[in-house]
Amino acid sequence: MIFANRQRNYLQSALYVIVAGVLAAVLLERLLTYAEAAEKAAMEATLSQLHSSLYARAAFLALRGEYEAMDALPSQSPFLITQVRSPNYLGEFDGMPADVKGGHWFFDRTRNELVYVPNLKRYLTTGSSERPASVLRFRLEVLKASKYGYTGVSLQPVGTFAWTPLP
């Protein structure tokens, strides 16, 4: 006969705590994975917005015949060229800033590269030996068919990287 008001013993309580802990750990791991996927999507959306704005700016300069300005684009920050506003763009620096936090963009004037520092990087792999290895660098390239024949602009990654947070 099982009494309805019998108290749980310590073994049952421990088992409940263990099951709840395992479920919480699985949930938190999944949430972290989805947060990293969201960060990657935000980074790609920013790159896409910059690329389309750069393409429009390059077309404007090419139509006006401002060839010197077109050739000078790779040495300038894409955020300043396009006047795209982003709350996580820190500005231009000579090299890597000392106190940069994850989830931010900046322009490295010494290398003429746009740099993204990811906040979550569990699924990020780079082919670079540079430390920190989790910094993603992009270079602006002006594509030409001839001396004054421009075919577009492109933000190309410097080196290889793979960021696959979701299977």
N, C-alpha and C. Protein backbone atom coordinates (compact mmCIF):
# COMPACT_ATOMS: atom_id res chain seq x y z
N MET A 1 0.82 -1.16 0.00
CA MET A 1 0.00 0.00 0.00
C MET A 1 0.89 1.26 0.00
N ILE A 2 0.58 2.19 -0.94
CA ILE A 2 1.36 3.42 -1.07
C ILE A 2 0.55 4.56 -0.46
N PHE A 3 1.16 5.22 0.47
CA PHE A 3 0.48 6.34 1.12
C PHE A 3 0.61 7.59 0.28
N ALA A 4 -0.42 8.37 0.15
CA ALA A 4 -0.42 9.58 -0.65
C ALA A 4 0.41 10.68 0.00
N ASN A 5 0.55 10.64 1.28
CA ASN A 5 1.27 11.72 1.94
C ASN A 5 2.67 11.32 2.40
N ARG A 6 3.18 10.25 1.83
CA ARG A 6 4.53 9.84 2.25
C ARG A 6 5.56 10.85 1.73
N GLN A 7 6.58 11.07 2.45
CA GLN A 7 7.60 12.04 2.07
C GLN A 7 8.61 11.39 1.11
N ARG A 8 9.15 12.25 0.25
CA ARG A 8 10.20 11.76 -0.65
C ARG A 8 11.47 11.53 0.16
N ASN A 9 12.19 10.54 -0.26
CA ASN A 9 13.46 10.32 0.41
C ASN A 9 14.57 11.08 -0.32
N TYR A 10 15.74 11.06 0.20
CA TYR A 10 16.86 11.83 -0.37
C TYR A 10 17.23 11.34 -1.76
N LEU A 11 17.09 10.08 -2.04
CA LEU A 11 17.44 9.54 -3.36
C LEU A 11 16.50 10.09 -4.43
N GLN A 12 15.23 10.14 -4.15
CA GLN A 12 14.29 10.69 -5.10
C GLN A 12 14.56 12.18 -5.33
N SER A 13 14.82 12.91 -4.32
CA SER A 13 15.10 14.35 -4.46
C SER A 13 16.37 14.57 -5.27
N ALA A 14 17.38 13.79 -5.03
CA ALA A 14 18.63 13.90 -5.79
C ALA A 14 18.39 13.58 -7.26
N LEU A 15 17.58 12.58 -7.52
CA LEU A 15 17.27 12.22 -8.90
C LEU A 15 16.54 13.35 -9.61
N TYR A 16 15.60 14.01 -8.95
CA TYR A 16 14.89 15.15 -9.55
C TYR A 16 15.85 16.30 -9.84
N VAL A 17 16.75 16.56 -8.93
CA VAL A 17 17.72 17.64 -9.13
C VAL A 17 18.65 17.33 -10.30
N ILE A 18 19.08 16.09 -10.43
CA ILE A 18 19.96 15.69 -11.52
C ILE A 18 19.24 15.81 -12.86
N VAL A 19 18.01 15.33 -12.94
CA VAL A 19 17.26 15.43 -14.19
C VAL A 19 17.04 16.89 -14.57
N ALA A 20 16.67 17.72 -13.62
CA ALA A 20 16.47 19.15 -13.90
C ALA A 20 17.78 19.80 -14.33
N GLY A 21 18.88 19.43 -13.73
CA GLY A 21 20.18 19.99 -14.11
C GLY A 21 20.59 19.60 -15.52
N VAL A 22 20.37 18.35 -15.89
CA VAL A 22 20.71 17.90 -17.24
C VAL A 22 19.85 18.63 -18.27
N LEU A 23 18.57 18.75 -18.00
CA LEU A 23 17.68 19.47 -18.92
C LEU A 23 18.08 20.94 -19.04
N ALA A 24 18.46 21.57 -17.96
CA ALA A 24 18.89 22.97 -18.00
C ALA A 24 20.19 23.11 -18.80
N ALA A 25 21.12 22.17 -18.63
CA ALA A 25 22.39 22.23 -19.38
C ALA A 25 22.15 22.08 -20.87
N VAL A 26 21.28 21.17 -21.27
CA VAL A 26 20.98 20.97 -22.69
C VAL A 26 20.31 22.22 -23.26
N LEU A 27 19.38 22.78 -22.52
CA LEU A 27 18.70 23.99 -22.97
C LEU A 27 19.67 25.16 -23.12
N LEU A 28 20.54 25.36 -22.16
CA LEU A 28 21.51 26.46 -22.24
C LEU A 28 22.48 26.28 -23.39
N GLU A 29 22.91 25.05 -23.64
CA GLU A 29 23.81 24.80 -24.76
C GLU A 29 23.12 25.12 -26.07
N ARG A 30 21.87 24.76 -26.23
CA ARG A 30 21.09 25.04 -27.43
C ARG A 30 20.91 26.55 -27.60
N LEU A 31 20.59 27.23 -26.50
CA LEU A 31 20.40 28.67 -26.57
C LEU A 31 21.69 29.39 -26.97
N LEU A 32 22.83 28.91 -26.48
CA LEU A 32 24.11 29.50 -26.85
C LEU A 32 24.40 29.29 -28.34
N THR A 33 24.05 28.11 -28.84
CA THR A 33 24.24 27.82 -30.26
C THR A 33 23.37 28.74 -31.11
N TYR A 34 22.12 28.93 -30.70
CA TYR A 34 21.24 29.82 -31.45
C TYR A 34 21.69 31.28 -31.35
N ALA A 35 22.23 31.67 -30.23
CA ALA A 35 22.76 33.03 -30.09
C ALA A 35 23.95 33.24 -31.02
N GLU A 36 24.80 32.23 -31.17
CA GLU A 36 25.93 32.34 -32.08
C GLU A 36 25.46 32.38 -33.53
N ALA A 37 24.44 31.61 -33.85
CA ALA A 37 23.87 31.66 -35.20
C ALA A 37 23.28 33.03 -35.49
N ALA A 38 22.65 33.64 -34.50
CA ALA A 38 22.09 34.99 -34.67
C ALA A 38 23.20 36.02 -34.86
N GLU A 39 24.31 35.87 -34.14
CA GLU A 39 25.43 36.79 -34.32
C GLU A 39 26.03 36.67 -35.71
N LYS A 40 26.16 35.44 -36.19
CA LYS A 40 26.68 35.23 -37.54
C LYS A 40 25.75 35.85 -38.58
N ALA A 41 24.45 35.69 -38.40
CA ALA A 41 23.48 36.28 -39.33
C ALA A 41 23.56 37.80 -39.31
N ALA A 42 23.74 38.39 -38.14
CA ALA A 42 23.86 39.85 -38.03
C ALA A 42 25.13 40.33 -38.72
N MET A 43 26.24 39.59 -38.57
CA MET A 43 27.48 39.95 -39.24
C MET A 43 27.31 39.89 -40.76
N GLU A 44 26.67 38.83 -41.25
CA GLU A 44 26.45 38.69 -42.68
C GLU A 44 25.50 39.75 -43.22
N ALA A 45 24.50 40.13 -42.43
CA ALA A 45 23.58 41.19 -42.85
C ALA A 45 24.31 42.53 -42.95
N THR A 46 25.20 42.80 -42.02
CA THR A 46 25.99 44.04 -42.07
C THR A 46 26.90 44.04 -43.29
N LEU A 47 27.54 42.91 -43.57
CA LEU A 47 28.40 42.81 -44.77
C LEU A 47 27.58 43.01 -46.04
N SER A 48 26.39 42.44 -46.08
CA SER A 48 25.54 42.59 -47.25
C SER A 48 25.10 44.04 -47.44
N GLN A 49 24.75 44.70 -46.35
CA GLN A 49 24.35 46.10 -46.42
C GLN A 49 25.52 46.97 -46.87
N LEU A 50 26.70 46.70 -46.34
CA LEU A 50 27.89 47.45 -46.76
C LEU A 50 28.19 47.21 -48.24
N HIS A 51 28.08 45.96 -48.68
CA HIS A 51 28.39 45.64 -50.07
C HIS A 51 27.44 46.34 -51.03
N SER A 52 26.15 46.32 -50.74
CA SER A 52 25.21 46.97 -51.64
C SER A 52 25.40 48.49 -51.64
N SER A 53 25.70 49.07 -50.49
CA SER A 53 25.96 50.52 -50.43
C SER A 53 27.26 50.88 -51.13
N LEU A 54 28.27 50.03 -51.00
CA LEU A 54 29.53 50.27 -51.70
C LEU A 54 29.34 50.17 -53.22
N TYR A 55 28.54 49.23 -53.64
CA TYR A 55 28.29 49.08 -55.07
C TYR A 55 27.60 50.32 -55.62
N ALA A 56 26.62 50.85 -54.89
CA ALA A 56 25.93 52.07 -55.32
C ALA A 56 26.89 53.26 -55.34
N ARG A 57 27.75 53.35 -54.33
CA ARG A 57 28.73 54.46 -54.28
C ARG A 57 29.73 54.36 -55.42
N ALA A 58 30.19 53.14 -55.71
CA ALA A 58 31.14 52.95 -56.81
C ALA A 58 30.49 53.29 -58.15
N ALA A 59 29.24 52.91 -58.33
CA ALA A 59 28.54 53.26 -59.57
C ALA A 59 28.40 54.77 -59.71
N PHE A 60 28.10 55.44 -58.63
CA PHE A 60 27.99 56.90 -58.64
C PHE A 60 29.32 57.54 -59.04
N LEU A 61 30.41 57.08 -58.43
CA LEU A 61 31.72 57.65 -58.74
C LEU A 61 32.14 57.34 -60.17
N ALA A 62 31.85 56.14 -60.66
CA ALA A 62 32.23 55.77 -62.02
C ALA A 62 31.43 56.58 -63.04
N LEU A 63 30.15 56.80 -62.76
CA LEU A 63 29.34 57.59 -63.69
C LEU A 63 29.78 59.05 -63.74
N ARG A 64 30.29 59.56 -62.64
CA ARG A 64 30.77 60.95 -62.61
C ARG A 64 32.20 61.06 -63.13
N GLY A 65 32.85 59.93 -63.38
CA GLY A 65 34.21 59.96 -63.89
C GLY A 65 35.25 60.28 -62.83
N GLU A 66 34.95 60.03 -61.59
CA GLU A 66 35.90 60.29 -60.50
C GLU A 66 36.75 59.03 -60.27
N TYR A 67 37.69 58.83 -61.18
CA TYR A 67 38.49 57.61 -61.16
C TYR A 67 39.49 57.57 -60.01
N GLU A 68 40.02 58.73 -59.62
CA GLU A 68 40.94 58.76 -58.49
C GLU A 68 40.21 58.38 -57.20
N ALA A 69 38.99 58.85 -57.05
CA ALA A 69 38.20 58.50 -55.87
C ALA A 69 37.87 57.02 -55.86
N MET A 70 37.62 56.45 -57.04
CA MET A 70 37.35 55.01 -57.13
C MET A 70 38.57 54.20 -56.71
N ASP A 71 39.74 54.61 -57.17
CA ASP A 71 40.97 53.89 -56.84
C ASP A 71 41.36 54.06 -55.38
N ALA A 72 40.87 55.11 -54.72
CA ALA A 72 41.20 55.36 -53.31
C ALA A 72 40.24 54.64 -52.36
N LEU A 73 39.19 54.03 -52.85
CA LEU A 73 38.22 53.37 -51.98
C LEU A 73 38.82 52.29 -51.08
N PRO A 74 39.74 51.44 -51.56
CA PRO A 74 40.25 50.39 -50.67
C PRO A 74 41.02 50.88 -49.45
N SER A 75 41.45 52.12 -49.44
CA SER A 75 42.20 52.63 -48.29
C SER A 75 41.31 53.34 -47.28
N GLN A 76 39.99 53.29 -47.49
CA GLN A 76 39.06 53.97 -46.60
C GLN A 76 38.13 52.95 -45.95
N SER A 77 37.56 53.34 -44.83
CA SER A 77 36.64 52.48 -44.12
C SER A 77 35.33 52.37 -44.90
N PRO A 78 34.84 51.15 -45.14
CA PRO A 78 33.56 51.00 -45.83
C PRO A 78 32.40 51.66 -45.10
N PHE A 79 32.45 51.73 -43.77
CA PHE A 79 31.40 52.39 -43.02
C PHE A 79 31.39 53.89 -43.29
N LEU A 80 32.57 54.49 -43.47
CA LEU A 80 32.64 55.93 -43.75
C LEU A 80 32.32 56.23 -45.21
N ILE A 81 32.72 55.35 -46.12
CA ILE A 81 32.43 55.55 -47.54
C ILE A 81 30.92 55.56 -47.77
N THR A 82 30.25 54.60 -47.18
CA THR A 82 28.82 54.42 -47.43
C THR A 82 27.93 55.17 -46.45
N GLN A 83 28.50 55.68 -45.39
CA GLN A 83 27.77 56.38 -44.33
C GLN A 83 26.70 55.48 -43.70
N VAL A 84 27.01 54.19 -43.62
CA VAL A 84 26.13 53.24 -42.95
C VAL A 84 26.33 53.39 -41.45
N ARG A 85 25.25 53.51 -40.74
CA ARG A 85 25.31 53.65 -39.28
C ARG A 85 25.18 52.27 -38.64
N SER A 86 26.05 52.00 -37.72
CA SER A 86 25.99 50.75 -36.98
C SER A 86 26.42 51.03 -35.54
N PRO A 87 25.64 50.58 -34.58
CA PRO A 87 26.00 50.85 -33.18
C PRO A 87 27.25 50.08 -32.73
N ASN A 88 27.64 49.05 -33.46
CA ASN A 88 28.80 48.28 -33.04
C ASN A 88 30.03 48.56 -33.91
N TYR A 89 30.04 49.70 -34.63
CA TYR A 89 31.24 50.13 -35.35
C TYR A 89 32.01 51.09 -34.47
N LEU A 90 33.26 50.75 -34.18
CA LEU A 90 34.06 51.54 -33.25
C LEU A 90 34.82 52.68 -33.90
N GLY A 91 35.10 52.59 -35.21
CA GLY A 91 35.85 53.63 -35.89
C GLY A 91 37.12 53.08 -36.52
N GLU A 92 38.05 53.99 -36.79
CA GLU A 92 39.32 53.63 -37.43
C GLU A 92 40.43 53.60 -36.39
N PHE A 93 41.30 52.60 -36.51
CA PHE A 93 42.43 52.45 -35.58
C PHE A 93 43.66 52.05 -36.37
N ASP A 94 44.82 52.33 -35.79
CA ASP A 94 46.09 51.84 -36.34
C ASP A 94 46.39 50.52 -35.64
N GLY A 95 46.05 49.43 -36.27
CA GLY A 95 46.24 48.12 -35.66
C GLY A 95 45.02 47.72 -34.84
N MET A 96 45.24 46.74 -33.97
CA MET A 96 44.16 46.21 -33.14
C MET A 96 44.02 47.04 -31.87
N PRO A 97 42.81 47.58 -31.58
CA PRO A 97 42.65 48.31 -30.32
C PRO A 97 42.79 47.37 -29.12
N ALA A 98 43.25 47.90 -28.03
CA ALA A 98 43.54 47.07 -26.85
C ALA A 98 42.26 46.60 -26.15
N ASP A 99 41.25 47.41 -26.14
CA ASP A 99 40.07 47.09 -25.34
C ASP A 99 38.84 46.77 -26.18
N VAL A 100 39.03 46.19 -27.36
CA VAL A 100 37.89 45.88 -28.22
C VAL A 100 37.14 44.66 -27.67
N LYS A 101 35.82 44.78 -27.64
CA LYS A 101 34.98 43.69 -27.14
C LYS A 101 34.37 42.95 -28.31
N GLY A 102 33.89 41.76 -28.04
CA GLY A 102 33.28 40.95 -29.08
C GLY A 102 32.01 41.57 -29.62
N GLY A 103 31.73 41.27 -30.88
CA GLY A 103 30.54 41.78 -31.53
C GLY A 103 30.71 43.16 -32.13
N HIS A 104 31.95 43.62 -32.30
CA HIS A 104 32.21 44.96 -32.81
C HIS A 104 33.04 44.93 -34.09
N TRP A 105 32.83 45.96 -34.90
CA TRP A 105 33.60 46.20 -36.12
C TRP A 105 34.56 47.37 -35.88
N PHE A 106 35.68 47.36 -36.60
CA PHE A 106 36.55 48.52 -36.68
C PHE A 106 37.36 48.43 -37.96
N PHE A 107 37.96 49.55 -38.37
CA PHE A 107 38.78 49.58 -39.58
C PHE A 107 40.23 49.72 -39.17
N ASP A 108 41.06 48.79 -39.64
CA ASP A 108 42.50 48.78 -39.37
C ASP A 108 43.19 49.58 -40.48
N ARG A 109 43.63 50.80 -40.15
CA ARG A 109 44.26 51.68 -41.15
C ARG A 109 45.61 51.16 -41.62
N THR A 110 46.33 50.45 -40.77
CA THR A 110 47.66 49.97 -41.18
C THR A 110 47.55 48.88 -42.25
N ARG A 111 46.52 48.07 -42.19
CA ARG A 111 46.33 47.00 -43.18
C ARG A 111 45.24 47.31 -44.21
N ASN A 112 44.51 48.41 -44.02
CA ASN A 112 43.36 48.74 -44.86
C ASN A 112 42.36 47.60 -44.89
N GLU A 113 41.97 47.13 -43.70
CA GLU A 113 41.05 46.01 -43.60
C GLU A 113 39.93 46.33 -42.61
N LEU A 114 38.75 45.86 -42.94
CA LEU A 114 37.62 45.93 -42.04
C LEU A 114 37.67 44.70 -41.16
N VAL A 115 37.58 44.88 -39.85
CA VAL A 115 37.77 43.78 -38.90
C VAL A 115 36.50 43.59 -38.07
N TYR A 116 36.10 42.33 -37.93
CA TYR A 116 34.99 41.98 -37.04
C TYR A 116 35.51 41.07 -35.94
N VAL A 117 35.20 41.42 -34.70
CA VAL A 117 35.59 40.61 -33.55
C VAL A 117 34.33 39.91 -33.03
N PRO A 118 34.20 38.60 -33.25
CA PRO A 118 32.99 37.92 -32.80
C PRO A 118 32.92 37.80 -31.28
N ASN A 119 31.71 37.84 -30.78
CA ASN A 119 31.47 37.68 -29.36
C ASN A 119 31.46 36.20 -28.99
N LEU A 120 30.73 35.41 -29.75
CA LEU A 120 30.66 33.96 -29.55
C LEU A 120 31.43 33.29 -30.68
N LYS A 121 32.33 32.41 -30.35
CA LYS A 121 33.20 31.83 -31.38
C LYS A 121 33.46 30.35 -31.16
N ARG A 122 32.50 29.63 -30.60
CA ARG A 122 32.70 28.21 -30.37
C ARG A 122 32.79 27.43 -31.68
N TYR A 123 32.06 27.87 -32.69
CA TYR A 123 32.02 27.15 -33.97
C TYR A 123 32.79 27.86 -35.06
N LEU A 124 33.64 28.79 -34.69
CA LEU A 124 34.43 29.55 -35.65
C LEU A 124 35.81 28.93 -35.80
N THR A 125 36.20 28.62 -37.02
CA THR A 125 37.55 28.14 -37.31
C THR A 125 38.14 29.01 -38.40
N THR A 126 39.39 29.37 -38.23
CA THR A 126 40.10 30.18 -39.22
C THR A 126 41.34 29.45 -39.67
N GLY A 127 41.78 29.79 -40.86
CA GLY A 127 43.01 29.20 -41.38
C GLY A 127 44.22 30.06 -41.06
N SER A 128 44.08 30.97 -40.11
CA SER A 128 45.13 31.92 -39.80
C SER A 128 45.91 31.48 -38.56
N SER A 129 47.19 31.80 -38.56
CA SER A 129 48.00 31.55 -37.37
C SER A 129 48.06 32.78 -36.48
N GLU A 130 47.40 33.85 -36.90
CA GLU A 130 47.40 35.10 -36.15
C GLU A 130 46.62 34.94 -34.85
N ARG A 131 47.10 35.57 -33.80
CA ARG A 131 46.40 35.54 -32.52
C ARG A 131 45.87 36.93 -32.23
N PRO A 132 44.63 37.10 -31.87
CA PRO A 132 43.63 36.06 -31.67
C PRO A 132 43.12 35.54 -33.00
N ALA A 133 42.93 34.25 -33.08
CA ALA A 133 42.52 33.60 -34.32
C ALA A 133 41.06 33.84 -34.64
N SER A 134 40.31 34.41 -33.73
CA SER A 134 38.88 34.60 -33.93
C SER A 134 38.53 35.97 -34.49
N VAL A 135 39.48 36.68 -35.03
CA VAL A 135 39.22 37.97 -35.65
C VAL A 135 39.01 37.75 -37.14
N LEU A 136 37.91 38.27 -37.67
CA LEU A 136 37.62 38.12 -39.09
C LEU A 136 37.95 39.42 -39.80
N ARG A 137 38.76 39.31 -40.85
CA ARG A 137 39.21 40.49 -41.59
C ARG A 137 38.66 40.46 -43.01
N PHE A 138 38.28 41.65 -43.50
CA PHE A 138 37.75 41.79 -44.85
C PHE A 138 38.44 42.96 -45.53
N ARG A 139 38.73 42.77 -46.82
CA ARG A 139 39.41 43.82 -47.59
C ARG A 139 38.50 44.26 -48.74
N LEU A 140 38.42 45.56 -48.93
CA LEU A 140 37.64 46.13 -50.02
C LEU A 140 38.48 46.10 -51.29
N GLU A 141 37.90 45.54 -52.35
CA GLU A 141 38.59 45.47 -53.64
C GLU A 141 37.73 46.14 -54.70
N VAL A 142 38.37 46.96 -55.52
CA VAL A 142 37.71 47.59 -56.66
C VAL A 142 38.01 46.72 -57.87
N LEU A 143 36.97 46.22 -58.49
CA LEU A 143 37.13 45.30 -59.63
C LEU A 143 37.15 46.10 -60.92
N LYS A 144 38.18 45.83 -61.74
CA LYS A 144 38.36 46.58 -62.99
C LYS A 144 38.47 45.62 -64.16
N ALA A 145 37.93 46.04 -65.30
CA ALA A 145 38.09 45.31 -66.55
C ALA A 145 39.19 45.96 -67.40
N SER A 146 39.32 47.27 -67.26
CA SER A 146 40.36 48.02 -67.97
C SER A 146 40.74 49.22 -67.11
N LYS A 147 41.52 50.15 -67.67
CA LYS A 147 41.99 51.27 -66.88
C LYS A 147 40.85 52.08 -66.28
N TYR A 148 39.84 52.38 -67.08
CA TYR A 148 38.69 53.13 -66.59
C TYR A 148 37.40 52.32 -66.67
N GLY A 149 37.52 51.03 -66.83
CA GLY A 149 36.34 50.18 -66.91
C GLY A 149 36.14 49.42 -65.60
N TYR A 150 35.31 49.92 -64.74
CA TYR A 150 35.06 49.32 -63.43
C TYR A 150 33.90 48.34 -63.53
N THR A 151 34.05 47.21 -62.90
CA THR A 151 32.98 46.21 -62.92
C THR A 151 32.30 46.06 -61.57
N GLY A 152 32.81 46.71 -60.55
CA GLY A 152 32.16 46.65 -59.24
C GLY A 152 33.15 46.72 -58.10
N VAL A 153 32.63 46.46 -56.92
CA VAL A 153 33.44 46.41 -55.71
C VAL A 153 33.09 45.14 -54.95
N SER A 154 33.99 44.74 -54.08
CA SER A 154 33.76 43.51 -53.33
C SER A 154 34.45 43.60 -51.98
N LEU A 155 33.77 43.06 -50.97
CA LEU A 155 34.38 42.91 -49.64
C LEU A 155 34.78 41.45 -49.51
N GLN A 156 36.05 41.18 -49.66
CA GLN A 156 36.55 39.81 -49.64
C GLN A 156 37.18 39.49 -48.30
N PRO A 157 36.92 38.28 -47.77
CA PRO A 157 37.60 37.89 -46.53
C PRO A 157 39.09 37.71 -46.76
N VAL A 158 39.87 38.13 -45.78
CA VAL A 158 41.31 37.93 -45.81
C VAL A 158 41.57 36.60 -45.11
N GLY A 159 42.01 35.62 -45.84
CA GLY A 159 42.18 34.29 -45.28
C GLY A 159 40.87 33.53 -45.35
N THR A 160 40.91 32.34 -44.83
CA THR A 160 39.73 31.50 -44.84
C THR A 160 39.16 31.36 -43.44
N PHE A 161 37.86 31.23 -43.39
CA PHE A 161 37.21 30.95 -42.12
C PHE A 161 35.93 30.18 -42.38
N ALA A 162 35.53 29.43 -41.40
CA ALA A 162 34.27 28.70 -41.43
C ALA A 162 33.57 28.93 -40.11
N TRP A 163 32.32 29.34 -40.20
CA TRP A 163 31.54 29.63 -39.00
C TRP A 163 30.19 28.95 -39.16
N THR A 164 30.06 27.77 -38.60
CA THR A 164 28.85 26.97 -38.77
C THR A 164 28.26 26.62 -37.42
N PRO A 165 27.51 27.53 -36.81
CA PRO A 165 26.96 27.25 -35.49
C PRO A 165 25.82 26.24 -35.49
N LEU A 166 25.11 26.11 -36.60
CA LEU A 166 24.00 25.15 -36.65
C LEU A 166 24.35 23.99 -37.57
N PRO A 167 24.04 22.77 -37.16
CA PRO A 167 24.37 21.62 -38.02
C PRO A 167 23.49 21.53 -39.25
